[in-house]
Amino acid sequence: MKYKAARDIPKAARELRTLSPTKISEWVRRNRTKEDARGKRQQHEVTPQSITMFFMRNPKIAAILEAEITTAEVSRHAITEDLFENGAFRKIPCIAKWIGKLTAREAKPATINRMLSNVKYVCQGILPKDEKGERRIIEGWGLIHPRDLTLDESIAYLVALREVTTHTRRFRIALRNFLKSRGVKDWDDISGKAEAEEGKYSHLYVEKERIEMIFYKLDQINHEVYLASKFAFKTATRLTAMLNAHAKYFFEVGGQNFLFVFEKASRGKPKRKIKKFIPQALKDELRTQGKLFDVDERTLNTTLRQVFKEVIPEIEKELKMPFHFWRHMFAQHMLRATGWNTSKVAKMGGWGTEALERYYGKMEDKIAFDNAEQLISAI
C-alpha cells in the first residue's frame, strides 16, 4: 500500500499508542511501499523529522491523537476484576473473535473453556495452586486487558509459572493460540512442545499380585471399601462418581454390561455422564438396587491409607488422594494389556490420549515390537 501521511500517521499512532516520530517512521517503513525507477516495490522511508513537521502543521490532529492515547492508557489500568467474570470476559471483542476461530476449527467446548481460563489467569497474574494447595498473585502484577496482553508479559508469566510447576504446556498452548489470533508478532516464540518430563506417574505401578493383596486386606477390614476399590480399579471411576453410582443406571448392549456414572463438572455446568463397561464378575458382586456402595469418603480414605502403608509403603506418601490410586492402576494395567493402545484406554477410562502419555509415558520399543514378526506377517 502506498504511503499517505494524512491517513497513515494517525493510523500508526493509534496502533502503536504513541506519538513518537521514530516509532511512527519505523511503522511506515514496515507497512508502506512505493515504486522505484524500475517499477519495483520498495519500503517507503519517512524520517522522524517529517513526522514531527506533520504534527506541527496539524496541531488539532496531534491533540486528538494524544487525547485518545491517554484515554486508552487510563482504560488499560482502570479495569476491575469484574471484567474477568465469564459472561463479561466472553463479550470482549478480541476474546469473542478468538472463540469464533476456535469454534470454526471444531475445538471442543471444554477445550475452549480451559484456554479462556488460562488467559484469564495470565491477565490477572494468578498462578495455579502450588504443592501446598495455595494460589498466589505474581508480585507487582496488575490487571491486564486481554487486548493489551503482550508477548513479553506472556513470557514473564510463564517464567513465574515455572517456579510453581514444570507442567506449563496448557498455558503455553493457550497463549500461543490467543496471541496468534490477535496478530501479535513472534507469537511462536512461546513453545508448544510437550513437557520434557513425560510419564509423570509412570513410576506409580503396582503389580497384580500386590493389588490382590490390597483387595484381600481391604475385604477383611471393610467389605464396602473393598467393593468400591475393585469397582474403581476395573472402571477408572473417580471418587465422586463412585459415591453416587446407582443401580438404576445399569444397562446392556449386545450382551455386555454398562453403567452410567456422573462426574462433577466445572462450576455452573451439568454433571458429566460417562459410560463405563462392567465385567460380569464385578456386576455379580454389586447391588442390584439403590446406591451401589454404602461408604463415605472419610472411611474410604482412612481404610485405604491404612492398607497402603502396609502393602505399598514406598509410594503411599505420594498418594495425596488415596482413592485416585485405582485410576492410576487402571491406566497402568490397561496400557500394558492393550499393547499401549492409548486411544482405547483413553476411551474406556475418560482421558485424552495426550494426557495418558503425559502421565504414564509413551510406548517403549519392547512393547512396540512385541510380536512384530507375527503381526507384520499377517498383513
Protein backbone atom coordinates (compact mmCIF):
# COMPACT_ATOMS: atom_id res chain seq x y z
CA MET A 1 0.00 0.00 0.00
CA LYS A 2 1.29 3.45 -0.90
CA TYR A 3 2.07 5.91 1.84
CA LYS A 4 -0.33 8.76 2.55
CA ALA A 5 0.64 10.94 5.51
CA ALA A 6 -2.86 12.16 6.46
CA ARG A 7 -4.10 8.61 6.67
CA ASP A 8 -1.08 6.63 7.82
CA ILE A 9 0.45 8.78 10.56
CA PRO A 10 -2.76 8.83 12.67
CA LYS A 11 -3.27 5.10 11.96
CA ALA A 12 0.26 4.29 13.13
CA ALA A 13 -0.11 6.47 16.24
CA ARG A 14 -3.33 4.69 17.22
CA GLU A 15 -1.92 1.22 16.65
CA LEU A 16 1.32 1.96 18.47
CA ARG A 17 -0.37 4.12 21.15
CA THR A 18 2.36 6.71 20.84
CA LEU A 19 3.21 9.97 19.05
CA SER A 20 6.89 9.06 18.88
CA PRO A 21 8.20 10.21 15.43
CA THR A 22 10.84 7.45 15.46
CA LYS A 23 8.37 4.65 16.12
CA ILE A 24 5.87 6.00 13.61
CA SER A 25 8.55 6.27 10.91
CA GLU A 26 9.52 2.64 11.61
CA TRP A 27 5.85 1.63 11.28
CA VAL A 28 5.64 3.36 7.89
CA ARG A 29 8.79 1.60 6.69
CA ARG A 30 7.37 -1.80 7.67
CA ASN A 31 3.85 -1.28 6.36
CA ARG A 32 4.02 1.05 3.32
CA THR A 33 5.72 0.76 -0.05
CA LYS A 34 6.47 2.84 -3.15
CA GLU A 35 7.70 2.05 -6.67
CA ASP A 36 11.29 2.61 -7.66
CA ALA A 37 12.51 3.73 -11.11
CA ARG A 38 12.10 0.19 -12.46
CA GLY A 39 8.54 -0.14 -11.21
CA LYS A 40 9.57 -2.46 -8.38
CA ARG A 41 8.12 -2.08 -4.91
CA GLN A 42 10.36 -0.95 -2.09
CA GLN A 43 9.84 0.14 1.50
CA HIS A 44 8.77 3.74 1.94
CA GLU A 45 11.23 5.67 4.08
CA VAL A 46 9.92 8.57 6.16
CA THR A 47 12.22 10.45 8.52
CA PRO A 48 11.24 11.17 12.14
CA GLN A 49 11.69 14.86 11.32
CA SER A 50 8.95 14.70 8.66
CA ILE A 51 6.60 13.10 11.22
CA THR A 52 7.37 15.93 13.64
CA MET A 53 6.67 18.51 10.92
CA PHE A 54 3.33 16.81 10.16
CA PHE A 55 2.22 17.22 13.78
CA MET A 56 3.39 20.85 13.80
CA ARG A 57 1.33 21.56 10.67
CA ASN A 58 -1.69 19.71 12.09
CA PRO A 59 -1.89 20.57 15.81
CA LYS A 60 -5.57 19.58 16.05
CA ILE A 61 -4.85 16.06 14.81
CA ALA A 62 -1.93 15.80 17.23
CA ALA A 63 -4.15 16.93 20.13
CA ILE A 64 -6.91 14.45 19.24
CA LEU A 65 -4.45 11.56 18.97
CA GLU A 66 -2.80 12.48 22.27
CA ALA A 67 -6.20 12.52 24.00
CA GLU A 68 -7.16 9.16 22.51
CA ILE A 69 -3.88 7.53 23.54
CA THR A 70 -4.08 8.95 27.07
CA THR A 71 -7.67 7.71 27.44
CA ALA A 72 -6.69 4.26 26.19
CA GLU A 73 -3.82 4.06 28.67
CA VAL A 74 -6.07 5.09 31.55
CA SER A 75 -8.62 2.48 30.40
CA ARG A 76 -5.87 -0.14 30.35
CA HIS A 77 -5.10 0.42 34.00
CA ALA A 78 -8.61 1.17 35.23
CA ILE A 79 -10.21 -2.22 34.59
CA THR A 80 -11.51 -4.26 37.53
CA GLU A 81 -11.76 -7.96 38.24
CA ASP A 82 -15.39 -7.80 37.08
CA LEU A 83 -14.02 -7.91 33.54
CA PHE A 84 -12.89 -11.49 34.13
CA GLU A 85 -16.29 -12.82 35.09
CA ASN A 86 -17.15 -15.43 32.48
CA GLY A 87 -20.07 -13.58 30.83
CA ALA A 88 -18.24 -10.25 30.59
CA PHE A 89 -14.96 -11.86 29.52
CA ARG A 90 -16.55 -13.67 26.59
CA LYS A 91 -18.03 -10.42 25.29
CA ILE A 92 -14.64 -8.68 24.95
CA PRO A 93 -14.19 -8.25 21.17
CA CYS A 94 -10.77 -9.93 20.90
CA ILE A 95 -11.97 -12.82 23.09
CA ALA A 96 -15.23 -13.22 21.14
CA LYS A 97 -13.22 -13.28 17.91
CA TRP A 98 -10.87 -15.90 19.35
CA ILE A 99 -13.78 -18.09 20.49
CA GLY A 100 -15.18 -17.85 16.97
CA LYS A 101 -11.90 -19.02 15.44
CA LEU A 102 -11.61 -21.91 17.91
CA THR A 103 -15.21 -22.94 17.23
CA ALA A 104 -14.64 -22.82 13.47
CA ARG A 105 -11.72 -25.20 13.98
CA GLU A 106 -14.14 -27.54 15.85
CA ALA A 107 -12.40 -27.17 19.20
CA LYS A 108 -14.40 -28.85 21.95
CA PRO A 109 -16.30 -26.55 24.34
CA ALA A 110 -14.25 -27.95 27.24
CA THR A 111 -11.03 -27.07 25.41
CA ILE A 112 -12.25 -23.54 24.71
CA ASN A 113 -13.26 -23.05 28.35
CA ARG A 114 -9.87 -24.30 29.54
CA MET A 115 -7.98 -21.93 27.22
CA LEU A 116 -10.16 -18.99 28.28
CA SER A 117 -9.48 -19.81 31.92
CA ASN A 118 -5.74 -19.90 31.27
CA VAL A 119 -5.74 -16.48 29.59
CA LYS A 120 -7.79 -15.08 32.49
CA TYR A 121 -5.15 -16.32 34.93
CA VAL A 122 -2.39 -14.68 32.89
CA CYS A 123 -4.18 -11.33 32.59
CA GLN A 124 -4.70 -11.26 36.37
CA GLY A 125 -1.25 -12.65 37.22
CA ILE A 126 -2.79 -15.55 39.13
CA LEU A 127 -0.67 -18.69 39.44
CA PRO A 128 -2.16 -22.20 39.84
CA LYS A 129 -2.14 -23.83 43.25
CA ASP A 130 1.28 -24.95 44.45
CA GLU A 131 2.11 -28.19 46.27
CA LYS A 132 0.66 -26.74 49.48
CA GLY A 133 -2.63 -26.06 47.73
CA GLU A 134 -2.08 -22.30 47.86
CA ARG A 135 -2.68 -19.88 45.00
CA ARG A 136 -0.85 -16.56 44.72
CA ILE A 137 -0.68 -13.48 42.51
CA ILE A 138 2.65 -12.58 40.92
CA GLU A 139 4.20 -9.72 42.87
CA GLY A 140 3.84 -6.38 41.06
CA TRP A 141 1.38 -7.77 38.50
CA GLY A 142 -1.65 -5.59 37.85
CA LEU A 143 -4.74 -6.31 35.77
CA ILE A 144 -4.12 -6.52 32.02
CA HIS A 145 -6.87 -6.19 29.46
CA PRO A 146 -6.63 -9.17 27.06
CA ARG A 147 -6.45 -6.84 24.04
CA ASP A 148 -3.27 -5.33 25.55
CA LEU A 149 -1.54 -8.55 26.62
CA THR A 150 1.92 -8.57 25.04
CA LEU A 151 4.34 -11.34 24.17
CA ASP A 152 6.78 -10.07 26.81
CA GLU A 153 4.09 -10.14 29.50
CA SER A 154 3.10 -13.65 28.44
CA ILE A 155 6.69 -14.84 28.71
CA ALA A 156 7.08 -13.15 32.11
CA TYR A 157 4.02 -15.06 33.35
CA LEU A 158 5.44 -18.36 32.08
CA VAL A 159 8.73 -17.69 33.88
CA ALA A 160 6.83 -17.16 37.14
CA LEU A 161 4.70 -20.23 36.42
CA ARG A 162 7.80 -22.42 36.18
CA GLU A 163 8.50 -21.64 39.84
CA VAL A 164 5.22 -23.35 40.74
CA THR A 165 5.09 -26.24 38.26
CA THR A 166 7.03 -27.79 35.40
CA HIS A 167 3.77 -28.54 33.62
CA THR A 168 3.20 -25.31 31.70
CA ARG A 169 2.03 -26.61 28.34
CA ARG A 170 -1.67 -25.85 28.73
CA PHE A 171 -0.80 -22.20 29.43
CA ARG A 172 1.74 -22.08 26.59
CA ILE A 173 -0.75 -23.52 24.10
CA ALA A 174 -3.46 -21.05 25.18
CA LEU A 175 -1.10 -18.06 24.97
CA ARG A 176 0.33 -19.09 21.57
CA ASN A 177 -3.16 -19.50 20.19
CA PHE A 178 -4.55 -16.28 21.65
CA LEU A 179 -1.60 -14.08 20.67
CA LYS A 180 -1.69 -15.54 17.15
CA SER A 181 -5.41 -14.76 16.87
CA ARG A 182 -4.65 -11.12 17.70
CA GLY A 183 -1.87 -10.95 15.11
CA VAL A 184 0.89 -10.47 17.69
CA LYS A 185 4.29 -10.87 16.05
CA ASP A 186 6.60 -13.69 17.14
CA TRP A 187 3.79 -15.50 18.99
CA ASP A 188 5.61 -18.74 18.17
CA ASP A 189 8.49 -17.68 20.44
CA ILE A 190 6.38 -19.49 23.03
CA SER A 191 6.97 -23.21 22.60
CA GLY A 192 4.06 -25.56 22.10
CA LYS A 193 6.05 -28.72 22.71
CA ALA A 194 5.07 -31.24 25.33
CA GLU A 195 6.80 -31.06 28.69
CA ALA A 196 10.27 -32.54 28.80
CA GLU A 197 9.02 -34.57 31.76
CA GLU A 198 6.91 -37.34 30.22
CA GLY A 199 5.37 -40.07 32.29
CA LYS A 200 4.75 -38.05 35.43
CA TYR A 201 3.10 -41.02 37.14
CA SER A 202 4.86 -43.83 35.26
CA HIS A 203 6.55 -44.97 38.49
CA LEU A 204 3.18 -45.46 40.19
CA TYR A 205 2.84 -49.05 39.05
CA VAL A 206 1.93 -51.90 41.38
CA GLU A 207 1.98 -55.47 40.07
CA LYS A 208 -1.21 -57.53 40.10
CA GLU A 209 -0.09 -59.77 42.98
CA ARG A 210 0.18 -56.83 45.39
CA ILE A 211 -3.09 -55.36 44.15
CA GLU A 212 -4.74 -58.68 45.03
CA MET A 213 -3.13 -58.44 48.46
CA ILE A 214 -4.58 -54.93 48.92
CA PHE A 215 -8.03 -56.22 47.96
CA TYR A 216 -7.72 -59.13 50.41
CA LYS A 217 -6.80 -56.87 53.32
CA LEU A 218 -9.49 -54.31 52.45
CA ASP A 219 -12.13 -57.03 52.41
CA GLN A 220 -11.00 -58.18 55.85
CA ILE A 221 -11.39 -54.65 57.26
CA ASN A 222 -14.37 -53.21 55.36
CA HIS A 223 -16.21 -55.01 52.57
CA GLU A 224 -17.70 -51.79 51.17
CA VAL A 225 -14.27 -50.20 50.79
CA TYR A 226 -13.11 -53.37 49.05
CA LEU A 227 -16.07 -53.27 46.61
CA ALA A 228 -15.64 -49.56 45.86
CA SER A 229 -11.91 -50.05 45.25
CA LYS A 230 -12.39 -53.04 42.96
CA PHE A 231 -15.06 -51.12 41.05
CA ALA A 232 -12.66 -48.17 40.58
CA PHE A 233 -9.79 -50.44 39.51
CA LYS A 234 -11.95 -52.12 36.87
CA THR A 235 -13.63 -48.93 35.57
CA ALA A 236 -11.29 -45.98 36.31
CA THR A 237 -14.18 -44.22 38.04
CA ARG A 238 -13.37 -41.14 40.12
CA LEU A 239 -14.34 -40.73 43.77
CA THR A 240 -17.45 -38.53 43.48
CA ALA A 241 -18.88 -40.62 40.65
CA MET A 242 -18.34 -43.83 42.63
CA LEU A 243 -20.00 -42.44 45.77
CA ASN A 244 -23.13 -41.62 43.75
CA ALA A 245 -23.17 -44.70 41.50
CA HIS A 246 -26.70 -46.15 41.35
CA ALA A 247 -28.07 -49.49 40.16
CA LYS A 248 -30.81 -47.80 38.13
CA TYR A 249 -28.17 -46.73 35.61
CA PHE A 250 -27.18 -50.29 34.64
CA PHE A 251 -27.96 -51.25 31.04
CA GLU A 252 -26.95 -53.86 28.47
CA VAL A 253 -25.73 -53.51 24.89
CA GLY A 254 -25.02 -56.61 22.81
CA GLY A 255 -24.92 -58.81 25.88
CA GLN A 256 -22.37 -56.56 27.63
CA ASN A 257 -22.98 -54.75 30.92
CA PHE A 258 -22.62 -50.98 31.17
CA LEU A 259 -23.28 -48.33 33.80
CA PHE A 260 -23.68 -44.59 33.52
CA VAL A 261 -21.82 -42.66 36.22
CA PHE A 262 -21.92 -38.92 36.78
CA GLU A 263 -18.78 -36.91 37.46
CA LYS A 264 -18.75 -33.36 38.75
CA ALA A 265 -18.04 -30.69 36.14
CA SER A 266 -16.79 -27.11 36.32
CA ARG A 267 -18.90 -24.59 38.22
CA GLY A 268 -22.21 -23.85 36.56
CA LYS A 269 -22.02 -26.87 34.24
CA PRO A 270 -24.14 -30.05 34.45
CA LYS A 271 -22.51 -33.24 35.69
CA ARG A 272 -20.66 -35.29 33.06
CA LYS A 273 -22.47 -38.50 32.12
CA ILE A 274 -19.89 -41.22 31.46
CA LYS A 275 -20.41 -44.75 30.15
CA LYS A 276 -18.48 -47.48 31.99
CA PHE A 277 -18.09 -51.12 30.96
CA ILE A 278 -18.82 -53.51 33.86
CA PRO A 279 -17.32 -57.02 33.68
CA GLN A 280 -19.88 -59.72 34.58
CA ALA A 281 -17.78 -60.97 37.51
CA LEU A 282 -17.77 -57.45 39.00
CA LYS A 283 -21.50 -56.93 38.37
CA ASP A 284 -22.25 -60.15 40.26
CA GLU A 285 -20.64 -58.60 43.37
CA LEU A 286 -22.58 -55.34 43.20
CA ARG A 287 -26.02 -54.42 44.48
CA THR A 288 -28.95 -54.63 42.08
CA GLN A 289 -30.98 -51.84 43.72
CA GLY A 290 -30.25 -48.42 45.15
CA LYS A 291 -26.78 -46.95 45.59
CA LEU A 292 -24.03 -49.40 44.73
CA PHE A 293 -21.81 -48.54 47.71
CA ASP A 294 -22.59 -47.83 51.36
CA VAL A 295 -19.42 -45.95 52.29
CA ASP A 296 -18.36 -42.37 52.94
CA GLU A 297 -15.24 -40.58 51.74
CA ARG A 298 -13.58 -40.37 55.15
CA THR A 299 -13.95 -44.09 55.91
CA LEU A 300 -12.77 -44.93 52.42
CA ASN A 301 -9.60 -42.83 52.56
CA THR A 302 -8.71 -43.84 56.13
CA THR A 303 -9.02 -47.53 55.34
CA LEU A 304 -7.09 -47.25 52.08
CA ARG A 305 -4.31 -45.28 53.75
CA GLN A 306 -4.01 -47.96 56.45
CA VAL A 307 -3.61 -50.77 53.91
CA PHE A 308 -1.37 -48.80 51.55
CA LYS A 309 1.10 -48.14 54.37
CA GLU A 310 1.35 -51.88 54.91
CA VAL A 311 1.41 -53.18 51.32
CA ILE A 312 2.89 -50.35 49.23
CA PRO A 313 4.83 -48.15 51.72
CA GLU A 314 7.29 -46.98 49.04
CA ILE A 315 4.62 -44.90 47.26
CA GLU A 316 1.98 -44.40 49.96
CA LYS A 317 3.10 -40.87 50.83
CA GLU A 318 2.85 -39.79 47.18
CA LEU A 319 -0.83 -40.72 47.05
CA LYS A 320 -2.42 -37.46 48.17
CA MET A 321 -5.84 -38.78 47.13
CA PRO A 322 -5.82 -42.46 48.16
CA PHE A 323 -8.85 -43.47 46.09
CA HIS A 324 -7.34 -41.97 42.93
CA PHE A 325 -4.70 -44.73 43.16
CA TRP A 326 -7.17 -47.05 41.43
CA ARG A 327 -7.48 -44.77 38.44
CA HIS A 328 -3.68 -44.83 38.11
CA MET A 329 -3.73 -48.61 38.29
CA PHE A 330 -6.46 -48.93 35.65
CA ALA A 331 -4.36 -46.85 33.25
CA GLN A 332 -1.10 -48.66 34.00
CA HIS A 333 -2.50 -52.18 33.69
CA MET A 334 -4.78 -51.48 30.72
CA LEU A 335 -1.98 -49.80 28.77
CA ARG A 336 0.15 -52.90 29.23
CA ALA A 337 -2.73 -55.26 28.48
CA THR A 338 -3.57 -53.48 25.20
CA GLY A 339 0.00 -53.05 23.97
CA TRP A 340 -0.09 -49.36 24.95
CA ASN A 341 -3.20 -48.63 22.90
CA THR A 342 -3.71 -45.09 24.25
CA SER A 343 -6.82 -44.44 22.15
CA LYS A 344 -8.62 -47.50 23.53
CA VAL A 345 -7.58 -46.91 27.14
CA ALA A 346 -8.41 -43.20 26.93
CA LYS A 347 -11.91 -44.00 25.65
CA MET A 348 -12.54 -46.59 28.37
CA GLY A 349 -11.15 -44.53 31.22
CA GLY A 350 -12.10 -40.98 30.27
CA TRP A 351 -8.74 -39.40 29.39
CA GLY A 352 -7.31 -37.72 26.32
CA THR A 353 -4.54 -39.68 24.59
CA GLU A 354 -2.14 -36.78 25.14
CA ALA A 355 -2.87 -36.82 28.88
CA LEU A 356 -2.20 -40.55 29.08
CA GLU A 357 1.24 -40.13 27.52
CA ARG A 358 1.98 -37.17 29.74
CA TYR A 359 1.00 -39.09 32.87
CA TYR A 360 2.21 -42.60 32.10
CA GLY A 361 4.80 -42.21 29.33
CA LYS A 362 4.99 -43.23 25.70
CA MET A 363 5.22 -46.76 24.34
CA GLU A 364 8.62 -48.38 24.83
CA ASP A 365 10.39 -50.16 21.96
CA LYS A 366 9.97 -53.52 23.70
CA ILE A 367 6.19 -53.15 23.64
CA ALA A 368 6.12 -51.64 20.13
CA PHE A 369 8.00 -54.57 18.57
CA ASP A 370 6.48 -57.32 20.67
CA ASN A 371 5.03 -60.00 18.30
CA ALA A 372 6.21 -57.86 15.36
CA GLU A 373 7.08 -60.96 13.28
CA GLN A 374 3.60 -62.42 13.73
CA LEU A 375 1.76 -59.15 13.22
CA ILE A 376 3.64 -57.99 10.11
CA SER A 377 3.46 -61.43 8.52
CA ALA A 378 -0.31 -61.32 8.85
CA ILE A 379 -0.75 -58.23 6.67
